[in-house]
Amino acid sequence: MSREVGSRYEELAAAWLAAKGYKVLERSFSCPLGEVDIIAEQGGDLVFVEVKARRGEAYGRPFEAVTRSKQSKIIKAALVYIKSKGLRPAGIRFDVVSIKMGAEPELIKGAFDAPGYYY
């Protein structure tokens, strides 16, 4: 999937999350350690959201592409974001928005944790 197509899905996910009560703070945050597609606030938590989209399920459901390696990069980028902004959030969460073409997006709240990492 091209970066342009990926950006369109991130826009779709950001609007969908906003309609669900998320306050989108930033999109496409990147640093040398990784990237976070969407950073938002929801329910008192600072939420780092990965967006995955697929045309079909021939290679699995979209959220299944968020591997341990990808999770590690997201976690590291999230920590850089928190430190660079001088934040002390009450809680952080890692969500995934899984989009299959032609279907309603699926939200996986708390899709993964960051054990061993502290902010």
Protein backbone atom coordinates (compact mmCIF):
# COMPACT_ATOMS: atom_id res chain seq x y z
CA MET A 1 0.00 0.00 0.00
CA SER A 2 1.42 3.36 -1.00
CA ARG A 3 2.06 6.12 1.54
CA GLU A 4 -0.65 8.22 -0.15
CA VAL A 5 -3.25 5.47 0.29
CA GLY A 6 -2.05 4.91 3.87
CA SER A 7 -2.51 8.62 4.60
CA ARG A 8 -6.10 8.47 3.35
CA TYR A 9 -6.84 5.57 5.70
CA GLU A 10 -5.22 7.48 8.58
CA GLU A 11 -7.47 10.47 7.77
CA LEU A 12 -10.50 8.18 7.74
CA ALA A 13 -9.45 6.62 11.06
CA ALA A 14 -8.81 10.04 12.67
CA ALA A 15 -12.28 11.29 11.67
CA TRP A 16 -13.88 8.01 12.83
CA LEU A 17 -12.09 8.21 16.20
CA ALA A 18 -13.11 11.88 16.63
CA ALA A 19 -16.73 10.86 16.06
CA LYS A 20 -16.27 8.27 18.83
CA GLY A 21 -15.10 10.93 21.31
CA TYR A 22 -11.34 10.81 20.83
CA LYS A 23 -9.59 14.18 20.76
CA VAL A 24 -6.97 13.84 18.01
CA LEU A 25 -3.82 15.69 19.05
CA GLU A 26 -1.37 14.75 16.34
CA ARG A 27 -1.01 12.58 13.25
CA SER A 28 2.01 10.84 11.77
CA PHE A 29 4.41 11.52 14.63
CA SER A 30 7.81 10.09 13.76
CA CYS A 31 11.24 9.97 15.29
CA PRO A 32 14.33 7.86 14.61
CA LEU A 33 12.93 5.07 16.82
CA GLY A 34 9.53 4.69 15.17
CA GLU A 35 6.23 6.25 14.13
CA VAL A 36 2.76 6.64 15.59
CA ASP A 37 -0.12 7.14 13.16
CA ILE A 38 -2.48 8.99 15.53
CA ILE A 39 -2.01 10.44 19.01
CA ALA A 40 -5.22 11.27 20.85
CA GLU A 41 -6.83 11.72 24.24
CA GLN A 42 -9.78 9.59 25.28
CA GLY A 43 -11.28 8.85 28.66
CA GLY A 44 -8.40 10.55 30.48
CA ASP A 45 -5.76 8.47 28.68
CA LEU A 46 -3.14 9.51 26.17
CA VAL A 47 -3.78 7.07 23.32
CA PHE A 48 -1.30 6.01 20.64
CA VAL A 49 -3.14 4.56 17.66
CA GLU A 50 -1.80 2.37 14.88
CA VAL A 51 -3.92 2.25 11.73
CA LYS A 52 -3.80 -0.88 9.59
CA ALA A 53 -5.80 -1.30 6.38
CA ARG A 54 -6.16 -4.15 3.92
CA ARG A 55 -8.22 -4.78 0.82
CA GLY A 56 -9.18 -8.25 2.01
CA GLU A 57 -8.15 -10.98 4.42
CA ALA A 58 -5.94 -13.08 2.12
CA TYR A 59 -2.96 -12.15 4.33
CA GLY A 60 -4.93 -12.02 7.57
CA ARG A 61 -6.98 -9.36 9.28
CA PRO A 62 -5.42 -5.88 9.22
CA PHE A 63 -4.68 -5.70 12.97
CA GLU A 64 -2.69 -8.94 12.73
CA ALA A 65 0.01 -6.98 10.90
CA VAL A 66 0.86 -5.14 14.14
CA THR A 67 3.67 -7.51 15.07
CA ARG A 68 5.76 -7.46 18.26
CA SER A 69 8.48 -5.66 16.32
CA LYS A 70 6.02 -2.99 15.15
CA GLN A 71 4.62 -2.69 18.68
CA SER A 72 8.12 -2.08 20.03
CA LYS A 73 8.69 0.75 17.53
CA ILE A 74 5.34 2.34 18.41
CA ILE A 75 6.10 2.11 22.14
CA LYS A 76 9.52 3.73 21.70
CA ALA A 77 8.07 6.52 19.54
CA ALA A 78 5.33 7.06 22.15
CA LEU A 79 7.92 7.47 24.89
CA VAL A 80 9.86 9.97 22.76
CA TYR A 81 6.62 11.90 22.21
CA ILE A 82 5.78 11.96 25.93
CA LYS A 83 9.27 13.10 26.89
CA SER A 84 9.59 15.66 24.08
CA LYS A 85 6.30 17.29 25.12
CA GLY A 86 7.10 17.13 28.84
CA LEU A 87 3.87 15.24 29.51
CA ARG A 88 2.85 13.35 32.64
CA PRO A 89 -0.28 11.56 31.44
CA ALA A 90 -2.47 9.80 34.00
CA GLY A 91 -2.48 6.77 31.73
CA ILE A 92 -1.39 5.67 28.30
CA ARG A 93 -2.96 3.16 25.97
CA PHE A 94 -2.12 1.57 22.66
CA ASP A 95 -5.09 1.07 20.33
CA VAL A 96 -5.31 -0.28 16.79
CA VAL A 97 -7.83 0.74 14.15
CA SER A 98 -8.23 -2.14 11.73
CA ILE A 99 -9.78 -1.21 8.38
CA LYS A 100 -10.91 -3.68 5.77
CA MET A 101 -11.93 -2.05 2.51
CA GLY A 102 -15.70 -1.71 2.30
CA ALA A 103 -16.32 -2.47 5.99
CA GLU A 104 -16.76 -0.44 9.16
CA PRO A 105 -13.40 0.16 10.92
CA GLU A 106 -12.73 -2.03 13.94
CA LEU A 107 -11.25 -0.54 17.12
CA ILE A 108 -9.07 -2.70 19.33
CA LYS A 109 -8.72 -0.73 22.58
CA GLY A 110 -5.64 -1.61 24.59
CA ALA A 111 -4.41 -3.80 21.73
CA PHE A 112 -1.01 -4.20 23.39
CA ASP A 113 0.90 -3.13 26.49
CA ALA A 114 4.31 -1.63 27.12
CA PRO A 115 5.71 -3.90 29.86
CA GLY A 116 9.07 -2.81 31.19
CA TYR A 117 8.79 0.72 29.79
CA TYR A 118 8.27 3.72 32.01
CA TYR A 119 7.61 7.38 31.28
